[in-house]
Amino acid sequence: MRCVNGCRTMACVALWVLFCLDGGAVWSGEEIAGVRVTPDVVYGHKLGMALTMDVLQPKEANGAGVLFMVSGGWVSRWMPAGTEVAFLRPLLKRGFTVFAVRHGSSPRFKVPEAVADVRRAVRYVRMTAARWKVDPARLGVSGFSAGGHLALMLGTTGDDGDPQAKDPVLRHGSRVAAVVAYFPPTDLRPYTKLDSPYRKQFPALAFEPQRAKDYSPLLQVTSDDAPSLVVHGDQDSLVPLWHSEKIEAALKAQQVPVRLIVIHGAGHGFSGEGAERAAKAWGDWFEQYLLRRSPQTESK
C-alpha cells in the first residue's frame, strides 16, 4: 500500500498489516470483532454529494468519543470496515467510540474546504451525541500527517456555534477537548507559495497563499486551545520536525497542556518499537483528557 506522497507511513503500513491479520474482513452489516460499525453516516452534503463518517462503538464504551480524520495529503479514502476496526483498535480497546470522518478530497477540494468539512463533523457528532451514547463535552480528535493538521485546526479554532443558524448542525459548537496529531504540518505558508512544488504534489495546497495563515494551526494558538499531543520522527523529510516543535512551543507559551514525543530515527511514519510507543501514547492522552478531568460544558 503506497501513500499519496509515495512513502510508507505508519498509518499505511499498519493498515495493510492489520488488514492481513484481520483475514481481509469485510463489512458484516452489524458487528466486527466486538465492535458495532455503523457505516456511511451522512453528516452533510455539498455539490450534490454526501459527506460521511463511520461510527465504531466498542461493547464496553466509556462514554467519550474520538473523531479520527481519514486524510492523507488531504485525500480522504474509503477503507473496509475490518481494516478500520483493526487500525483503530488502540482506541476501541480502551472503550472510545470512534468516528472515522471523511472530508471532501483533493484535487477537487482544497485545504479550506476540508477544514470546513471536519468542523461540521464535530458539530454533527455533538448534535447527535445521545444517539451514539457519548458525552458531547468529551470529544477528542486525531489524525496522521494531513489528518494531524486537520485535528490541530480543530483544536486551535473551535467555536461555540451559531444559535440562530437555520441549519441545526451549525447551532452546535466545534470545540474539542483533546488532540493527538502525528507528524502534522502546522504552518502551511511555505507550501502554498505560488512557486512551491508542493502545490503540484499536493493539489489541496493550491489555494490563495494569503489565506495560508488562516489554515496554519501554529498561527491560531490561543490560551483556550485543546490539550494536544504531537508525535513526530526526527528524520521526517516530508513534514520536518520543526512543525511539531514550533506548535509545542506556541502552546506552552499560552499555558495549554502539550506534549511532544520525538521518535528518534523515524521518518514520515513509525515502525516497531516507535509505532508501539506512539500507539500507547495515543490512548493514554485521550484517557487523561477525556476521562480523568472534569467535563467541559458543550459550549466549550
Protein backbone atom coordinates (compact mmCIF):
# COMPACT_ATOMS: atom_id res chain seq x y z
CA MET A 1 0.00 0.00 0.00
CA ARG A 2 1.51 3.31 -1.08
CA CYS A 3 0.77 6.66 0.47
CA VAL A 4 -0.29 9.65 -1.54
CA ASN A 5 3.23 11.05 -1.18
CA GLY A 6 4.85 7.81 -2.31
CA CYS A 7 6.25 6.89 1.11
CA ARG A 8 5.15 4.19 3.51
CA THR A 9 3.88 5.83 6.67
CA MET A 10 2.98 4.25 9.98
CA ALA A 11 -0.66 4.63 9.01
CA CYS A 12 -0.31 2.88 5.67
CA VAL A 13 1.88 0.06 6.96
CA ALA A 14 -0.33 -0.50 9.98
CA LEU A 15 -3.48 -0.57 7.89
CA TRP A 16 -2.04 -3.07 5.44
CA VAL A 17 -0.59 -5.37 8.10
CA LEU A 18 -3.69 -5.27 10.26
CA PHE A 19 -5.91 -5.90 7.26
CA CYS A 20 -3.95 -9.06 6.51
CA LEU A 21 -4.05 -10.16 10.15
CA ASP A 22 -7.77 -9.50 10.20
CA GLY A 23 -8.22 -12.04 7.43
CA GLY A 24 -9.35 -9.39 4.97
CA ALA A 25 -12.51 -8.90 6.98
CA VAL A 26 -15.33 -7.18 5.16
CA TRP A 27 -18.30 -5.24 6.47
CA SER A 28 -20.59 -7.70 8.25
CA GLY A 29 -23.51 -5.31 8.43
CA GLU A 30 -23.50 -5.01 12.20
CA GLU A 31 -20.54 -6.13 14.29
CA ILE A 32 -16.84 -6.82 13.70
CA ALA A 33 -14.56 -8.23 16.40
CA GLY A 34 -16.80 -6.96 19.18
CA VAL A 35 -17.24 -3.51 17.65
CA ARG A 36 -20.53 -2.30 16.26
CA VAL A 37 -19.93 -0.45 12.99
CA THR A 38 -22.46 1.97 11.56
CA PRO A 39 -21.12 2.84 8.11
CA ASP A 40 -21.66 5.88 5.92
CA VAL A 41 -23.43 8.14 8.39
CA VAL A 42 -24.19 11.34 6.47
CA TYR A 43 -23.12 14.50 8.31
CA GLY A 44 -23.58 16.93 5.44
CA HIS A 45 -23.78 17.47 1.69
CA LYS A 46 -22.03 19.60 -0.88
CA LEU A 47 -22.23 19.74 -4.66
CA GLY A 48 -24.85 17.01 -4.51
CA MET A 49 -22.52 14.61 -2.69
CA ALA A 50 -22.76 13.21 0.82
CA LEU A 51 -20.14 13.82 3.48
CA THR A 52 -19.89 10.61 5.51
CA MET A 53 -18.35 9.05 8.58
CA ASP A 54 -18.28 5.54 10.00
CA VAL A 55 -19.14 5.14 13.68
CA LEU A 56 -17.31 2.41 15.61
CA GLN A 57 -18.79 1.55 19.02
CA PRO A 58 -16.99 -0.92 21.31
CA LYS A 59 -19.11 -3.12 23.57
CA GLU A 60 -17.54 -1.65 26.71
CA ALA A 61 -17.85 2.01 25.70
CA ASN A 62 -16.50 4.60 28.14
CA GLY A 63 -18.78 7.46 27.07
CA ALA A 64 -16.09 9.51 25.31
CA GLY A 65 -15.68 9.94 21.56
CA VAL A 66 -12.74 10.47 19.21
CA LEU A 67 -13.12 11.84 15.69
CA PHE A 68 -10.39 10.35 13.51
CA MET A 69 -9.53 12.37 10.41
CA VAL A 70 -9.33 9.94 7.47
CA SER A 71 -6.87 12.03 5.47
CA GLY A 72 -3.53 11.60 3.71
CA GLY A 73 -2.39 14.51 1.58
CA TRP A 74 -5.88 15.91 2.26
CA VAL A 75 -7.32 12.97 0.32
CA SER A 76 -9.96 11.03 2.25
CA ARG A 77 -10.20 7.40 1.14
CA TRP A 78 -12.70 4.69 1.99
CA MET A 79 -11.44 1.53 3.67
CA PRO A 80 -13.08 -1.81 4.50
CA ALA A 81 -14.66 -1.82 7.94
CA GLY A 82 -12.50 -4.72 9.11
CA THR A 83 -9.38 -2.72 8.32
CA GLU A 84 -10.83 0.33 10.01
CA VAL A 85 -11.62 -1.57 13.21
CA ALA A 86 -8.16 -3.16 13.29
CA PHE A 87 -6.34 0.12 12.73
CA LEU A 88 -8.33 1.97 15.40
CA ARG A 89 -8.10 -0.90 17.90
CA PRO A 90 -5.74 1.05 20.25
CA LEU A 91 -8.64 3.42 20.95
CA LEU A 92 -11.52 0.95 20.67
CA LYS A 93 -10.00 -1.47 23.19
CA ARG A 94 -9.93 1.36 25.73
CA GLY A 95 -13.64 1.99 25.23
CA PHE A 96 -13.59 5.06 23.00
CA THR A 97 -16.33 5.39 20.41
CA VAL A 98 -14.54 6.40 17.20
CA PHE A 99 -15.95 8.46 14.35
CA ALA A 100 -13.93 7.89 11.16
CA VAL A 101 -14.53 11.16 9.32
CA ARG A 102 -14.13 11.52 5.56
CA HIS A 103 -13.91 15.02 4.09
CA GLY A 104 -14.15 16.43 0.58
CA SER A 105 -10.92 15.37 -1.11
CA SER A 106 -8.16 16.87 -3.18
CA PRO A 107 -7.82 17.72 -6.04
CA ARG A 108 -11.41 18.96 -6.29
CA PHE A 109 -11.40 20.42 -2.79
CA LYS A 110 -8.61 22.37 -1.15
CA VAL A 111 -7.49 22.67 2.48
CA PRO A 112 -10.06 25.37 3.41
CA GLU A 113 -12.92 23.12 2.27
CA ALA A 114 -11.51 20.12 4.16
CA VAL A 115 -11.28 22.20 7.34
CA ALA A 116 -14.89 23.33 6.92
CA ASP A 117 -15.99 19.72 6.47
CA VAL A 118 -14.33 18.39 9.62
CA ARG A 119 -15.64 21.32 11.66
CA ARG A 120 -19.10 20.35 10.52
CA ALA A 121 -18.37 16.75 11.52
CA VAL A 122 -17.62 17.83 15.11
CA ARG A 123 -20.85 19.85 15.23
CA TYR A 124 -22.82 16.87 13.88
CA VAL A 125 -21.35 14.45 16.43
CA ARG A 126 -22.12 16.90 19.22
CA MET A 127 -25.71 17.31 17.96
CA THR A 128 -26.25 13.54 17.73
CA ALA A 129 -24.18 12.54 20.78
CA ALA A 130 -27.13 10.89 22.52
CA ARG A 131 -27.61 8.55 19.56
CA TRP A 132 -24.02 7.33 19.90
CA LYS A 133 -24.09 7.38 23.73
CA VAL A 134 -21.14 9.75 24.03
CA ASP A 135 -20.73 12.85 26.19
CA PRO A 136 -20.64 15.90 23.89
CA ALA A 137 -18.17 17.50 26.33
CA ARG A 138 -15.74 14.59 25.92
CA LEU A 139 -14.82 14.66 22.23
CA GLY A 140 -11.24 14.32 21.04
CA VAL A 141 -9.75 14.49 17.54
CA SER A 142 -6.82 12.74 15.93
CA GLY A 143 -5.11 12.19 12.61
CA PHE A 144 -1.90 11.38 10.78
CA SER A 145 0.01 13.89 8.60
CA ALA A 146 -2.71 15.89 6.78
CA GLY A 147 -5.17 14.34 9.23
CA GLY A 148 -2.99 15.63 12.06
CA HIS A 149 -3.11 19.09 10.52
CA LEU A 150 -6.92 18.93 10.45
CA ALA A 151 -7.02 17.68 14.05
CA LEU A 152 -4.88 20.61 15.20
CA MET A 153 -7.02 23.05 13.23
CA LEU A 154 -9.99 21.78 15.22
CA GLY A 155 -8.06 22.02 18.46
CA THR A 156 -6.99 25.63 17.84
CA THR A 157 -10.02 27.19 16.10
CA GLY A 158 -13.11 25.79 17.81
CA ASP A 159 -16.19 27.94 18.26
CA ASP A 160 -19.48 27.79 20.12
CA GLY A 161 -21.79 27.55 17.12
CA ASP A 162 -24.49 29.95 15.99
CA PRO A 163 -27.77 29.54 17.93
CA GLN A 164 -29.58 31.47 15.19
CA ALA A 165 -28.38 29.29 12.29
CA LYS A 166 -31.07 27.83 10.03
CA ASP A 167 -29.04 24.63 9.72
CA PRO A 168 -29.41 22.82 13.07
CA VAL A 169 -25.92 21.34 12.79
CA LEU A 170 -24.40 24.82 12.78
CA ARG A 171 -26.06 25.66 16.09
CA HIS A 172 -23.61 23.37 17.87
CA GLY A 173 -20.03 24.16 18.81
CA SER A 174 -16.93 22.79 17.10
CA ARG A 175 -14.64 22.89 20.16
CA VAL A 176 -12.90 19.67 21.18
CA ALA A 177 -11.44 18.54 24.49
CA ALA A 178 -8.17 16.91 23.33
CA VAL A 179 -5.99 16.41 20.25
CA VAL A 180 -3.50 13.75 19.19
CA ALA A 181 -1.64 14.58 15.96
CA TYR A 182 1.05 12.51 14.26
CA PHE A 183 3.70 14.26 12.11
CA PRO A 184 1.35 17.16 11.33
CA PRO A 185 2.06 20.15 9.07
CA THR A 186 1.42 23.13 11.34
CA ASP A 187 2.49 26.07 9.14
CA LEU A 188 1.25 25.93 5.54
CA ARG A 189 2.79 29.22 4.43
CA PRO A 190 5.98 27.71 2.90
CA TYR A 191 3.95 25.15 0.95
CA THR A 192 1.28 27.40 -0.57
CA LYS A 193 3.62 29.90 -2.24
CA LEU A 194 2.94 30.13 -5.96
CA ASP A 195 6.38 28.71 -6.80
CA SER A 196 6.19 25.87 -4.28
CA PRO A 197 6.47 22.35 -5.77
CA TYR A 198 4.15 21.14 -3.02
CA ARG A 199 1.20 22.83 -4.74
CA LYS A 200 1.57 20.32 -7.59
CA GLN A 201 2.42 17.34 -5.40
CA PHE A 202 -0.48 18.08 -3.06
CA PRO A 203 -3.24 19.90 -5.01
CA ALA A 204 -5.10 20.69 -1.76
CA LEU A 205 -2.39 23.30 -1.12
CA ALA A 206 -3.13 25.14 -4.37
CA PHE A 207 -5.23 27.88 -2.80
CA GLU A 208 -4.57 31.60 -2.30
CA PRO A 209 -1.22 31.95 -0.46
CA GLN A 210 -2.52 34.89 1.58
CA ARG A 211 -5.05 32.54 3.20
CA ALA A 212 -2.40 30.10 4.43
CA LYS A 213 -2.08 31.77 7.82
CA ASP A 214 -5.78 31.12 8.50
CA TYR A 215 -5.24 27.39 7.93
CA SER A 216 -1.98 27.03 9.83
CA PRO A 217 -2.62 25.74 13.38
CA LEU A 218 0.67 27.26 14.52
CA LEU A 219 -0.71 30.73 13.84
CA GLN A 220 -4.07 30.09 15.52
CA VAL A 221 -2.83 29.16 19.00
CA THR A 222 -4.64 30.83 21.92
CA SER A 223 -4.97 30.09 25.62
CA ASP A 224 -8.31 28.25 25.26
CA ASP A 225 -7.00 25.60 22.86
CA ALA A 226 -7.38 21.88 23.47
CA PRO A 227 -4.64 19.90 25.24
CA SER A 228 -2.51 18.47 22.45
CA LEU A 229 -0.11 15.57 21.99
CA VAL A 230 2.11 15.64 18.89
CA VAL A 231 4.26 12.70 17.80
CA HIS A 232 6.96 13.15 15.18
CA GLY A 233 10.01 11.42 13.76
CA ASP A 234 13.28 13.35 13.83
CA GLN A 235 14.19 12.12 10.32
CA ASP A 236 10.95 13.21 8.66
CA SER A 237 11.89 14.91 5.38
CA LEU A 238 8.33 15.42 4.11
CA VAL A 239 7.00 17.22 7.20
CA PRO A 240 10.09 18.26 9.18
CA LEU A 241 10.17 18.02 12.95
CA TRP A 242 10.13 21.81 13.34
CA HIS A 243 6.38 21.80 12.62
CA SER A 244 5.74 19.95 15.88
CA GLU A 245 8.50 21.72 17.82
CA LYS A 246 7.06 25.13 16.97
CA ILE A 247 3.49 24.32 17.88
CA GLU A 248 4.67 22.73 21.12
CA ALA A 249 6.43 25.99 21.98
CA ALA A 250 3.42 28.10 20.97
CA LEU A 251 1.01 26.06 23.07
CA LYS A 252 3.37 26.13 26.05
CA ALA A 253 3.61 29.92 25.76
CA GLN A 254 -0.19 30.06 26.09
CA GLN A 255 -0.08 27.60 29.02
CA VAL A 256 -2.03 24.98 27.08
CA PRO A 257 -1.19 21.40 28.11
CA VAL A 258 1.02 19.95 25.36
CA ARG A 259 3.49 17.13 24.91
CA LEU A 260 5.84 16.38 22.01
CA ILE A 261 7.10 12.83 21.61
CA VAL A 262 10.03 12.53 19.20
CA ILE A 263 10.61 9.10 17.66
CA HIS A 264 14.35 9.01 17.03
CA GLY A 265 15.43 7.68 13.66
CA ALA A 266 11.89 7.71 12.26
CA GLY A 267 10.81 9.42 9.06
CA HIS A 268 7.25 10.19 7.98
CA GLY A 269 5.87 7.21 9.85
CA PHE A 270 6.87 4.73 12.53
CA SER A 271 7.53 1.03 12.84
CA GLY A 272 8.46 -1.46 15.53
CA GLU A 273 9.08 -0.04 18.98
CA GLY A 274 8.42 3.51 17.77
CA ALA A 275 4.99 2.54 16.48
CA GLU A 276 4.15 0.78 19.75
CA ARG A 277 5.23 3.82 21.75
CA ALA A 278 3.13 6.12 19.57
CA ALA A 279 0.06 3.87 19.81
CA LYS A 280 0.28 3.69 23.61
CA ALA A 281 0.63 7.47 23.88
CA TRP A 282 -2.43 7.84 21.62
CA GLY A 283 -4.69 6.06 24.09
CA ASP A 284 -3.00 7.44 27.20
CA TRP A 285 -3.52 11.07 26.16
CA PHE A 286 -7.20 10.61 25.45
CA GLU A 287 -7.71 8.75 28.71
CA GLN A 288 -6.02 11.60 30.57
CA TYR A 289 -8.02 14.41 28.98
CA LEU A 290 -11.33 12.77 28.08
CA LEU A 291 -11.81 10.51 31.10
CA ARG A 292 -9.83 11.87 34.03
CA ARG A 293 -10.74 15.54 34.06
CA SER A 294 -13.88 17.49 34.91
CA PRO A 295 -16.27 17.56 31.93
CA GLN A 296 -16.46 20.79 29.99
CA THR A 297 -19.73 22.38 29.03
CA GLU A 298 -20.95 21.76 25.49
CA SER A 299 -20.13 25.32 24.52
CA LYS A 300 -16.51 24.70 25.42
